[in-house]
């Protein structure tokens, strides 16, 4: 069983979603549900990836799906603090650049 946790908290001007563990096929539904709920509640959502150890195509898909849902509502979804192989996956797929907040990273 994959280790995964997602928590949401209020942030200045929006919501912050903290992801932890492995974002893979085993947790795809929980990941997508958490992110879609966040973009449904706030026009600005920041996803903190500092504690994500693994990200596969299912996790990337969840981030992009939430990004599209945010745009449809006139909002934004941003990523912060990806490290190691997670940052590499996001760079290779172009998702890090797509979801970068201007002026950061």
PDB file of N, CA and C in Angstrom:
ATOM      1  N   UNK A   1       0.843  -1.181   0.000  1.00  0.00           N
ATOM      2  CA  UNK A   1       0.000   0.000   0.000  1.00  0.00           C
ATOM      3  C   UNK A   1       0.891   1.248   0.000  1.00  0.00           C
ATOM      4  N   UNK A   2       0.566   2.174  -0.855  1.00  0.00           N
ATOM      5  CA  UNK A   2       1.352   3.403  -0.985  1.00  0.00           C
ATOM      6  C   UNK A   2       1.079   4.334   0.186  1.00  0.00           C
ATOM      7  N   UNK A   3       2.121   5.004   0.636  1.00  0.00           N
ATOM      8  CA  UNK A   3       1.954   6.031   1.660  1.00  0.00           C
ATOM      9  C   UNK A   3       1.527   7.306   0.954  1.00  0.00           C
ATOM     10  N   UNK A   4       0.467   7.915   1.455  1.00  0.00           N
ATOM     11  CA  UNK A   4      -0.004   9.153   0.859  1.00  0.00           C
ATOM     12  C   UNK A   4      -0.860   9.884   1.879  1.00  0.00           C
ATOM     13  N   UNK A   5      -0.718  11.192   1.909  1.00  0.00           N
ATOM     14  CA  UNK A   5      -1.583  12.035   2.733  1.00  0.00           C
ATOM     15  C   UNK A   5      -1.749  13.367   2.029  1.00  0.00           C
ATOM     16  N   UNK A   6      -2.931  13.929   2.160  1.00  0.00           N
ATOM     17  CA  UNK A   6      -3.212  15.249   1.602  1.00  0.00           C
ATOM     18  C   UNK A   6      -3.982  16.042   2.646  1.00  0.00           C
ATOM     19  N   UNK A   7      -3.480  17.225   2.948  1.00  0.00           N
ATOM     20  CA  UNK A   7      -4.176  18.114   3.873  1.00  0.00           C
ATOM     21  C   UNK A   7      -4.319  19.479   3.219  1.00  0.00           C
ATOM     22  N   UNK A   8      -5.398  20.144   3.562  1.00  0.00           N
ATOM     23  CA  UNK A   8      -5.691  21.458   2.986  1.00  0.00           C
ATOM     24  C   UNK A   8      -5.833  22.463   4.117  1.00  0.00           C
ATOM     25  N   UNK A   9      -5.251  23.632   3.908  1.00  0.00           N
ATOM     26  CA  UNK A   9      -5.388  24.693   4.906  1.00  0.00           C
ATOM     27  C   UNK A   9      -5.554  26.029   4.202  1.00  0.00           C
ATOM     28  N   UNK A  10      -6.094  26.983   4.940  1.00  0.00           N
ATOM     29  CA  UNK A  10      -6.238  28.338   4.403  1.00  0.00           C
ATOM     30  C   UNK A  10      -4.859  28.949   4.234  1.00  0.00           C
ATOM     31  N   UNK A  11      -4.723  29.737   3.183  1.00  0.00           N
ATOM     32  CA  UNK A  11      -3.479  30.420   2.875  1.00  0.00           C
ATOM     33  C   UNK A  11      -3.835  31.854   2.511  1.00  0.00           C
ATOM     34  N   UNK A  12      -2.867  32.726   2.536  1.00  0.00           N
ATOM     35  CA  UNK A  12      -3.118  34.119   2.171  1.00  0.00           C
ATOM     36  C   UNK A  12      -3.688  34.152   0.753  1.00  0.00           C
ATOM     37  N   UNK A  13      -4.914  34.596   0.614  1.00  0.00           N
ATOM     38  CA  UNK A  13      -5.530  34.727  -0.692  1.00  0.00           C
ATOM     39  C   UNK A  13      -6.027  33.439  -1.314  1.00  0.00           C
ATOM     40  N   UNK A  14      -5.995  32.332  -0.593  1.00  0.00           N
ATOM     41  CA  UNK A  14      -6.459  31.084  -1.192  1.00  0.00           C
ATOM     42  C   UNK A  14      -6.316  29.891  -0.266  1.00  0.00           C
ATOM     43  N   UNK A  15      -6.055  28.749  -0.873  1.00  0.00           N
ATOM     44  CA  UNK A  15      -5.867  27.505  -0.135  1.00  0.00           C
ATOM     45  C   UNK A  15      -4.503  26.920  -0.440  1.00  0.00           C
ATOM     46  N   UNK A  16      -3.985  26.166   0.509  1.00  0.00           N
ATOM     47  CA  UNK A  16      -2.730  25.447   0.316  1.00  0.00           C
ATOM     48  C   UNK A  16      -3.014  23.971   0.557  1.00  0.00           C
ATOM     49  N   UNK A  17      -2.596  23.148  -0.394  1.00  0.00           N
ATOM     50  CA  UNK A  17      -2.732  21.706  -0.273  1.00  0.00           C
ATOM     51  C   UNK A  17      -1.339  21.129  -0.071  1.00  0.00           C
ATOM     52  N   UNK A  18      -1.161  20.425   1.022  1.00  0.00           N
ATOM     53  CA  UNK A  18       0.107  19.766   1.327  1.00  0.00           C
ATOM     54  C   UNK A  18      -0.025  18.295   0.962  1.00  0.00           C
ATOM     55  N   UNK A  19       0.824  17.834   0.045  1.00  0.00           N
ATOM     56  CA  UNK A  19       0.838  16.427  -0.329  1.00  0.00           C
ATOM     57  C   UNK A  19       2.051  15.776   0.311  1.00  0.00           C
ATOM     58  N   UNK A  20       1.888  14.502   0.664  1.00  0.00           N
ATOM     59  CA  UNK A  20       2.968  13.782   1.327  1.00  0.00           C
ATOM     60  C   UNK A  20       2.983  12.341   0.848  1.00  0.00           C
ATOM     61  N   UNK A  21       4.190  11.822   0.587  1.00  0.00           N
ATOM     62  CA  UNK A  21       4.328  10.410   0.224  1.00  0.00           C
ATOM     63  C   UNK A  21       4.392  10.194  -1.268  1.00  0.00           C
ATOM     64  N   UNK A  22       3.703   9.150  -1.721  1.00  0.00           N
ATOM     65  CA  UNK A  22       3.725   8.747  -3.124  1.00  0.00           C
ATOM     66  C   UNK A  22       2.440   9.152  -3.831  1.00  0.00           C
ATOM     67  N   UNK A  23       2.570   9.882  -4.931  1.00  0.00           N
ATOM     68  CA  UNK A  23       1.422  10.276  -5.753  1.00  0.00           C
ATOM     69  C   UNK A  23       1.457   9.401  -6.996  1.00  0.00           C
ATOM     70  N   UNK A  24       0.755   8.279  -6.915  1.00  0.00           N
ATOM     71  CA  UNK A  24       0.781   7.311  -8.009  1.00  0.00           C
ATOM     72  C   UNK A  24      -0.614   6.766  -8.266  1.00  0.00           C
ATOM     73  N   UNK A  25      -0.701   5.743  -9.093  1.00  0.00           N
ATOM     74  CA  UNK A  25      -1.985   5.172  -9.499  1.00  0.00           C
ATOM     75  C   UNK A  25      -2.816   4.724  -8.300  1.00  0.00           C
ATOM     76  N   UNK A  26      -2.172   4.225  -7.267  1.00  0.00           N
ATOM     77  CA  UNK A  26      -2.890   3.713  -6.097  1.00  0.00           C
ATOM     78  C   UNK A  26      -3.693   4.795  -5.377  1.00  0.00           C
ATOM     79  N   UNK A  27      -3.284   6.050  -5.498  1.00  0.00           N
ATOM     80  CA  UNK A  27      -3.954   7.141  -4.775  1.00  0.00           C
ATOM     81  C   UNK A  27      -4.548   8.175  -5.731  1.00  0.00           C
ATOM     82  N   UNK A  28      -4.617   7.834  -6.995  1.00  0.00           N
ATOM     83  CA  UNK A  28      -5.086   8.783  -8.011  1.00  0.00           C
ATOM     84  C   UNK A  28      -6.430   9.399  -7.656  1.00  0.00           C
ATOM     85  N   UNK A  29      -7.409   8.585  -7.283  1.00  0.00           N
ATOM     86  CA  UNK A  29      -8.747   9.113  -7.005  1.00  0.00           C
ATOM     87  C   UNK A  29      -8.749  10.071  -5.827  1.00  0.00           C
ATOM     88  N   UNK A  30      -8.026   9.730  -4.762  1.00  0.00           N
ATOM     89  CA  UNK A  30      -7.949  10.610  -3.596  1.00  0.00           C
ATOM     90  C   UNK A  30      -7.236  11.911  -3.937  1.00  0.00           C
ATOM     91  N   UNK A  31      -6.161  11.818  -4.705  1.00  0.00           N
ATOM     92  CA  UNK A  31      -5.421  13.007  -5.124  1.00  0.00           C
ATOM     93  C   UNK A  31      -6.301  13.939  -5.940  1.00  0.00           C
ATOM     94  N   UNK A  32      -6.950  13.402  -6.958  1.00  0.00           N
ATOM     95  CA  UNK A  32      -7.788  14.222  -7.836  1.00  0.00           C
ATOM     96  C   UNK A  32      -8.951  14.820  -7.049  1.00  0.00           C
ATOM     97  N   UNK A  33      -9.588  14.026  -6.195  1.00  0.00           N
ATOM     98  CA  UNK A  33     -10.717  14.533  -5.402  1.00  0.00           C
ATOM     99  C   UNK A  33     -10.270  15.684  -4.497  1.00  0.00           C
ATOM    100  N   UNK A  34      -9.120  15.546  -3.870  1.00  0.00           N
ATOM    101  CA  UNK A  34      -8.599  16.593  -2.988  1.00  0.00           C
ATOM    102  C   UNK A  34      -8.322  17.873  -3.774  1.00  0.00           C
ATOM    103  N   UNK A  35      -7.655  17.738  -4.912  1.00  0.00           N
ATOM    104  CA  UNK A  35      -7.299  18.921  -5.703  1.00  0.00           C
ATOM    105  C   UNK A  35      -8.526  19.588  -6.312  1.00  0.00           C
ATOM    106  N   UNK A  36      -9.473  18.799  -6.820  1.00  0.00           N
ATOM    107  CA  UNK A  36     -10.688  19.388  -7.397  1.00  0.00           C
ATOM    108  C   UNK A  36     -11.534  20.077  -6.329  1.00  0.00           C
ATOM    109  N   UNK A  37     -11.582  19.497  -5.137  1.00  0.00           N
ATOM    110  CA  UNK A  37     -12.310  20.151  -4.045  1.00  0.00           C
ATOM    111  C   UNK A  37     -11.660  21.490  -3.704  1.00  0.00           C
ATOM    112  N   UNK A  38     -10.342  21.524  -3.693  1.00  0.00           N
ATOM    113  CA  UNK A  38      -9.631  22.769  -3.379  1.00  0.00           C
ATOM    114  C   UNK A  38      -9.900  23.843  -4.424  1.00  0.00           C
ATOM    115  N   UNK A  39      -9.797  23.507  -5.709  1.00  0.00           N
ATOM    116  CA  UNK A  39     -10.035  24.528  -6.739  1.00  0.00           C
ATOM    117  C   UNK A  39     -11.512  24.906  -6.809  1.00  0.00           C
ATOM    118  N   UNK A  40     -12.385  24.039  -6.308  1.00  0.00           N
ATOM    119  CA  UNK A  40     -13.800  24.379  -6.222  1.00  0.00           C
ATOM    120  C   UNK A  40     -14.091  25.366  -5.095  1.00  0.00           C
ATOM    121  N   UNK A  41     -13.231  25.394  -4.096  1.00  0.00           N
ATOM    122  CA  UNK A  41     -13.411  26.270  -2.936  1.00  0.00           C
ATOM    123  C   UNK A  41     -12.689  27.598  -3.051  1.00  0.00           C
ATOM    124  N   UNK A  42     -11.631  27.654  -3.851  1.00  0.00           N
ATOM    125  CA  UNK A  42     -10.801  28.853  -3.884  1.00  0.00           C
ATOM    126  C   UNK A  42     -10.302  29.133  -5.293  1.00  0.00           C
ATOM    127  N   UNK A  43     -10.196  30.413  -5.616  1.00  0.00           N
ATOM    128  CA  UNK A  43      -9.686  30.805  -6.931  1.00  0.00           C
ATOM    129  C   UNK A  43      -8.181  30.618  -7.035  1.00  0.00           C
ATOM    130  N   UNK A  44      -7.494  30.559  -5.896  1.00  0.00           N
ATOM    131  CA  UNK A  44      -6.048  30.354  -5.912  1.00  0.00           C
ATOM    132  C   UNK A  44      -5.684  29.199  -4.990  1.00  0.00           C
ATOM    133  N   UNK A  45      -5.060  28.189  -5.569  1.00  0.00           N
ATOM    134  CA  UNK A  45      -4.655  27.003  -4.819  1.00  0.00           C
ATOM    135  C   UNK A  45      -3.164  26.783  -5.048  1.00  0.00           C
ATOM    136  N   UNK A  46      -2.431  26.600  -3.957  1.00  0.00           N
ATOM    137  CA  UNK A  46      -1.013  26.281  -4.017  1.00  0.00           C
ATOM    138  C   UNK A  46      -0.832  24.855  -3.525  1.00  0.00           C
ATOM    139  N   UNK A  47      -0.173  24.043  -4.325  1.00  0.00           N
ATOM    140  CA  UNK A  47       0.094  22.654  -3.954  1.00  0.00           C
ATOM    141  C   UNK A  47       1.551  22.558  -3.531  1.00  0.00           C
ATOM    142  N   UNK A  48       1.772  22.218  -2.264  1.00  0.00           N
ATOM    143  CA  UNK A  48       3.116  22.106  -1.701  1.00  0.00           C
ATOM    144  C   UNK A  48       3.580  20.659  -1.845  1.00  0.00           C
ATOM    145  N   UNK A  49       4.650  20.464  -2.593  1.00  0.00           N
ATOM    146  CA  UNK A  49       5.161  19.127  -2.895  1.00  0.00           C
ATOM    147  C   UNK A  49       6.423  18.777  -2.105  1.00  0.00           C
ATOM    148  N   UNK A  50       6.752  19.542  -1.087  1.00  0.00           N
ATOM    149  CA  UNK A  50       7.999  19.345  -0.350  1.00  0.00           C
ATOM    150  C   UNK A  50       8.141  17.931   0.204  1.00  0.00           C
ATOM    151  N   UNK A  51       7.033  17.295   0.568  1.00  0.00           N
ATOM    152  CA  UNK A  51       7.103  15.969   1.175  1.00  0.00           C
ATOM    153  C   UNK A  51       6.642  14.853   0.252  1.00  0.00           C
ATOM    154  N   UNK A  52       6.571  15.138  -1.048  1.00  0.00           N
ATOM    155  CA  UNK A  52       6.230  14.095  -2.022  1.00  0.00           C
ATOM    156  C   UNK A  52       7.509  13.376  -2.416  1.00  0.00           C
ATOM    157  N   UNK A  53       7.501  12.052  -2.235  1.00  0.00           N
ATOM    158  CA  UNK A  53       8.678  11.235  -2.528  1.00  0.00           C
ATOM    159  C   UNK A  53       8.680  10.665  -3.935  1.00  0.00           C
ATOM    160  N   UNK A  54       7.482  10.494  -4.518  1.00  0.00           N
ATOM    161  CA  UNK A  54       7.359   9.848  -5.815  1.00  0.00           C
ATOM    162  C   UNK A  54       6.154  10.419  -6.538  1.00  0.00           C
ATOM    163  N   UNK A  55       6.313  10.660  -7.824  1.00  0.00           N
ATOM    164  CA  UNK A  55       5.233  11.195  -8.655  1.00  0.00           C
ATOM    165  C   UNK A  55       5.292  10.492  -9.998  1.00  0.00           C
ATOM    166  N   UNK A  56       4.194   9.784 -10.352  1.00  0.00           N
ATOM    167  CA  UNK A  56       4.163   9.140 -11.662  1.00  0.00           C
ATOM    168  C   UNK A  56       3.163   9.865 -12.558  1.00  0.00           C
ATOM    169  N   UNK A  57       2.865   9.282 -13.706  1.00  0.00           N
ATOM    170  CA  UNK A  57       1.974   9.931 -14.667  1.00  0.00           C
ATOM    171  C   UNK A  57       0.573  10.144 -14.102  1.00  0.00           C
ATOM    172  N   UNK A  58       0.137   9.298 -13.179  1.00  0.00           N
ATOM    173  CA  UNK A  58      -1.177   9.492 -12.548  1.00  0.00           C
ATOM    174  C   UNK A  58      -1.178  10.766 -11.717  1.00  0.00           C
ATOM    175  N   UNK A  59      -0.090  11.005 -10.997  1.00  0.00           N
ATOM    176  CA  UNK A  59       0.025  12.227 -10.208  1.00  0.00           C
ATOM    177  C   UNK A  59       0.110  13.456 -11.080  1.00  0.00           C
ATOM    178  N   UNK A  60       0.870  13.355 -12.154  1.00  0.00           N
ATOM    179  CA  UNK A  60       0.977  14.470 -13.110  1.00  0.00           C
ATOM    180  C   UNK A  60      -0.393  14.760 -13.704  1.00  0.00           C
ATOM    181  N   UNK A  61      -1.119  13.721 -14.084  1.00  0.00           N
ATOM    182  CA  UNK A  61      -2.453  13.891 -14.651  1.00  0.00           C
ATOM    183  C   UNK A  61      -3.377  14.584 -13.654  1.00  0.00           C
ATOM    184  N   UNK A  62      -3.306  14.204 -12.388  1.00  0.00           N
ATOM    185  CA  UNK A  62      -4.138  14.835 -11.371  1.00  0.00           C
ATOM    186  C   UNK A  62      -3.856  16.320 -11.232  1.00  0.00           C
ATOM    187  N   UNK A  63      -2.590  16.685 -11.270  1.00  0.00           N
ATOM    188  CA  UNK A  63      -2.215  18.097 -11.184  1.00  0.00           C
ATOM    189  C   UNK A  63      -2.727  18.879 -12.388  1.00  0.00           C
ATOM    190  N   UNK A  64      -2.584  18.306 -13.572  1.00  0.00           N
ATOM    191  CA  UNK A  64      -3.037  18.987 -14.788  1.00  0.00           C
ATOM    192  C   UNK A  64      -4.565  19.091 -14.816  1.00  0.00           C
ATOM    193  N   UNK A  65      -5.259  18.040 -14.396  1.00  0.00           N
ATOM    194  CA  UNK A  65      -6.727  18.076 -14.348  1.00  0.00           C
ATOM    195  C   UNK A  65      -7.208  19.174 -13.399  1.00  0.00           C
ATOM    196  N   UNK A  66      -6.554  19.293 -12.252  1.00  0.00           N
ATOM    197  CA  UNK A  66      -6.928  20.338 -11.294  1.00  0.00           C
ATOM    198  C   UNK A  66      -6.609  21.723 -11.852  1.00  0.00           C
ATOM    199  N   UNK A  67      -5.483  21.834 -12.550  1.00  0.00           N
ATOM    200  CA  UNK A  67      -5.120  23.105 -13.198  1.00  0.00           C
ATOM    201  C   UNK A  67      -6.200  23.520 -14.193  1.00  0.00           C
ATOM    202  N   UNK A  68      -6.634  22.587 -15.013  1.00  0.00           N
ATOM    203  CA  UNK A  68      -7.680  22.893 -16.007  1.00  0.00           C
ATOM    204  C   UNK A  68      -8.986  23.289 -15.328  1.00  0.00           C
ATOM    205  N   UNK A  69      -9.341  22.575 -14.259  1.00  0.00           N
ATOM    206  CA  UNK A  69     -10.564  22.908 -13.527  1.00  0.00           C
ATOM    207  C   UNK A  69     -10.465  24.307 -12.919  1.00  0.00           C
ATOM    208  N   UNK A  70      -9.301  24.659 -12.399  1.00  0.00           N
ATOM    209  CA  UNK A  70      -9.105  26.000 -11.838  1.00  0.00           C
ATOM    210  C   UNK A  70      -9.266  27.065 -12.917  1.00  0.00           C
ATOM    211  N   UNK A  71      -8.664  26.827 -14.083  1.00  0.00           N
ATOM    212  CA  UNK A  71      -8.777  27.791 -15.184  1.00  0.00           C
ATOM    213  C   UNK A  71     -10.222  27.974 -15.623  1.00  0.00           C
ATOM    214  N   UNK A  72     -10.976  26.880 -15.676  1.00  0.00           N
ATOM    215  CA  UNK A  72     -12.390  26.950 -16.070  1.00  0.00           C
ATOM    216  C   UNK A  72     -13.188  27.823 -15.117  1.00  0.00           C
ATOM    217  N   UNK A  73     -12.752  27.904 -13.873  1.00  0.00           N
ATOM    218  CA  UNK A  73     -13.433  28.712 -12.854  1.00  0.00           C
ATOM    219  C   UNK A  73     -12.810  30.105 -12.730  1.00  0.00           C
ATOM    220  N   UNK A  74     -11.844  30.406 -13.592  1.00  0.00           N
ATOM    221  CA  UNK A  74     -11.169  31.699 -13.525  1.00  0.00           C
ATOM    222  C   UNK A  74     -10.099  31.767 -12.457  1.00  0.00           C
ATOM    223  N   UNK A  75      -9.646  30.611 -11.989  1.00  0.00           N
ATOM    224  CA  UNK A  75      -8.649  30.574 -10.931  1.00  0.00           C
ATOM    225  C   UNK A  75      -7.305  30.069 -11.404  1.00  0.00           C
ATOM    226  N   UNK A  76      -6.456  29.750 -10.428  1.00  0.00           N
ATOM    227  CA  UNK A  76      -5.097  29.281 -10.715  1.00  0.00           C
ATOM    228  C   UNK A  76      -4.705  28.199  -9.725  1.00  0.00           C
ATOM    229  N   UNK A  77      -3.898  27.270 -10.184  1.00  0.00           N
ATOM    230  CA  UNK A  77      -3.279  26.260  -9.339  1.00  0.00           C
ATOM    231  C   UNK A  77      -1.784  26.368  -9.552  1.00  0.00           C
ATOM    232  N   UNK A  78      -1.046  26.469  -8.451  1.00  0.00           N
ATOM    233  CA  UNK A  78       0.403  26.618  -8.510  1.00  0.00           C
ATOM    234  C   UNK A  78       1.081  25.490  -7.746  1.00  0.00           C
ATOM    235  N   UNK A  79       2.302  25.181  -8.142  1.00  0.00           N
ATOM    236  CA  UNK A  79       3.111  24.191  -7.445  1.00  0.00           C
ATOM    237  C   UNK A  79       4.252  24.896  -6.730  1.00  0.00           C
ATOM    238  N   UNK A  80       4.599  24.367  -5.559  1.00  0.00           N
ATOM    239  CA  UNK A  80       5.756  24.869  -4.828  1.00  0.00           C
ATOM    240  C   UNK A  80       6.532  23.708  -4.229  1.00  0.00           C
ATOM    241  N   UNK A  81       7.813  23.899  -4.113  1.00  0.00           N
ATOM    242  CA  UNK A  81       8.726  23.029  -3.382  1.00  0.00           C
ATOM    243  C   UNK A  81       8.919  21.608  -3.923  1.00  0.00           C
ATOM    244  N   UNK A  82       8.840  21.388  -5.226  1.00  0.00           N
ATOM    245  CA  UNK A  82       9.174  20.036  -5.693  1.00  0.00           C
ATOM    246  C   UNK A  82      10.677  19.815  -5.567  1.00  0.00           C
ATOM    247  N   UNK A  83      11.077  18.610  -5.195  1.00  0.00           N
ATOM    248  CA  UNK A  83      12.491  18.292  -5.046  1.00  0.00           C
ATOM    249  C   UNK A  83      12.804  16.956  -5.697  1.00  0.00           C
ATOM    250  N   UNK A  84      14.076  16.700  -5.891  1.00  0.00           N
ATOM    251  CA  UNK A  84      14.553  15.402  -6.364  1.00  0.00           C
ATOM    252  C   UNK A  84      13.876  14.911  -7.629  1.00  0.00           C
ATOM    253  N   UNK A  85      13.501  13.633  -7.615  1.00  0.00           N
ATOM    254  CA  UNK A  85      12.898  13.020  -8.797  1.00  0.00           C
ATOM    255  C   UNK A  85      11.537  13.619  -9.128  1.00  0.00           C
ATOM    256  N   UNK A  86      10.845  14.150  -8.118  1.00  0.00           N
ATOM    257  CA  UNK A  86       9.554  14.806  -8.378  1.00  0.00           C
ATOM    258  C   UNK A  86       9.778  16.049  -9.234  1.00  0.00           C
ATOM    259  N   UNK A  87      10.760  16.849  -8.898  1.00  0.00           N
ATOM    260  CA  UNK A  87      11.085  18.036  -9.690  1.00  0.00           C
ATOM    261  C   UNK A  87      11.512  17.638 -11.098  1.00  0.00           C
ATOM    262  N   UNK A  88      12.261  16.558 -11.205  1.00  0.00           N
ATOM    263  CA  UNK A  88      12.711  16.081 -12.518  1.00  0.00           C
ATOM    264  C   UNK A  88      11.530  15.696 -13.390  1.00  0.00           C
ATOM    265  N   UNK A  89      10.579  14.935 -12.839  1.00  0.00           N
ATOM    266  CA  UNK A  89       9.383  14.533 -13.595  1.00  0.00           C
ATOM    267  C   UNK A  89       8.607  15.764 -14.040  1.00  0.00           C
ATOM    268  N   UNK A  90       8.428  16.709 -13.142  1.00  0.00           N
ATOM    269  CA  UNK A  90       7.682  17.928 -13.480  1.00  0.00           C
ATOM    270  C   UNK A  90       8.401  18.750 -14.536  1.00  0.00           C
ATOM    271  N   UNK A  91       9.728  18.784 -14.498  1.00  0.00           N
ATOM    272  CA  UNK A  91      10.500  19.499 -15.511  1.00  0.00           C
ATOM    273  C   UNK A  91      10.411  18.806 -16.867  1.00  0.00           C
ATOM    274  N   UNK A  92      10.566  17.485 -16.870  1.00  0.00           N
ATOM    275  CA  UNK A  92      10.531  16.731 -18.131  1.00  0.00           C
ATOM    276  C   UNK A  92       9.182  16.811 -18.829  1.00  0.00           C
ATOM    277  N   UNK A  93       8.109  16.879 -18.049  1.00  0.00           N
ATOM    278  CA  UNK A  93       6.766  16.933 -18.627  1.00  0.00           C
ATOM    279  C   UNK A  93       6.318  18.357 -18.939  1.00  0.00           C
ATOM    280  N   UNK A  94       7.055  19.347 -18.444  1.00  0.00           N
ATOM    281  CA  UNK A  94       6.681  20.742 -18.652  1.00  0.00           C
ATOM    282  C   UNK A  94       5.653  21.245 -17.650  1.00  0.00           C
ATOM    283  N   UNK A  95       5.249  20.392 -16.731  1.00  0.00           N
ATOM    284  CA  UNK A  95       4.215  20.773 -15.773  1.00  0.00           C
ATOM    285  C   UNK A  95       4.737  21.781 -14.750  1.00  0.00           C
ATOM    286  N   UNK A  96       5.990  21.676 -14.394  1.00  0.00           N
ATOM    287  CA  UNK A  96       6.553  22.642 -13.441  1.00  0.00           C
ATOM    288  C   UNK A  96       6.486  24.059 -14.006  1.00  0.00           C
ATOM    289  N   UNK A  97       6.852  24.223 -15.257  1.00  0.00           N
ATOM    290  CA  UNK A  97       6.790  25.550 -15.882  1.00  0.00           C
ATOM    291  C   UNK A  97       5.342  26.015 -16.037  1.00  0.00           C
ATOM    292  N   UNK A  98       4.451  25.091 -16.374  1.00  0.00           N
ATOM    293  CA  UNK A  98       3.030  25.416 -16.554  1.00  0.00           C
ATOM    294  C   UNK A  98       2.404  25.934 -15.259  1.00  0.00           C
ATOM    295  N   UNK A  99       2.779  25.337 -14.143  1.00  0.00           N
ATOM    296  CA  UNK A  99       2.138  25.651 -12.863  1.00  0.00           C
ATOM    297  C   UNK A  99       3.007  26.479 -11.932  1.00  0.00           C
ATOM    298  N   UNK A 100       4.000  27.145 -12.500  1.00  0.00           N
ATOM    299  CA  UNK A 100       4.892  27.995 -11.718  1.00  0.00           C
ATOM    300  C   UNK A 100       4.236  29.350 -11.486  1.00  0.00           C
ATOM    301  N   UNK A 101       4.313  29.801 -10.269  1.00  0.00           N
ATOM    302  CA  UNK A 101       3.851  31.156  -9.945  1.00  0.00           C
ATOM    303  C   UNK A 101       4.931  32.121 -10.416  1.00  0.00           C
ATOM    304  N   UNK A 102       4.544  33.139 -11.163  1.00  0.00           N
ATOM    305  CA  UNK A 102       5.540  34.088 -11.673  1.00  0.00           C
ATOM    306  C   UNK A 102       6.305  34.715 -10.530  1.00  0.00           C
ATOM    307  N   UNK A 103       7.600  34.841 -10.714  1.00  0.00           N
ATOM    308  CA  UNK A 103       8.451  35.445  -9.714  1.00  0.00           C
ATOM    309  C   UNK A 103       9.003  34.460  -8.696  1.00  0.00           C
ATOM    310  N   UNK A 104       8.636  33.166  -8.838  1.00  0.00           N
ATOM    311  CA  UNK A 104       9.127  32.146  -7.901  1.00  0.00           C
ATOM    312  C   UNK A 104       9.724  30.993  -8.674  1.00  0.00           C
ATOM    313  N   UNK A 105      10.638  30.301  -8.033  1.00  0.00           N
ATOM    314  CA  UNK A 105      11.344  29.125  -8.569  1.00  0.00           C
ATOM    315  C   UNK A 105      11.618  29.285 -10.036  1.00  0.00           C
TER     316      UNK A 105
END
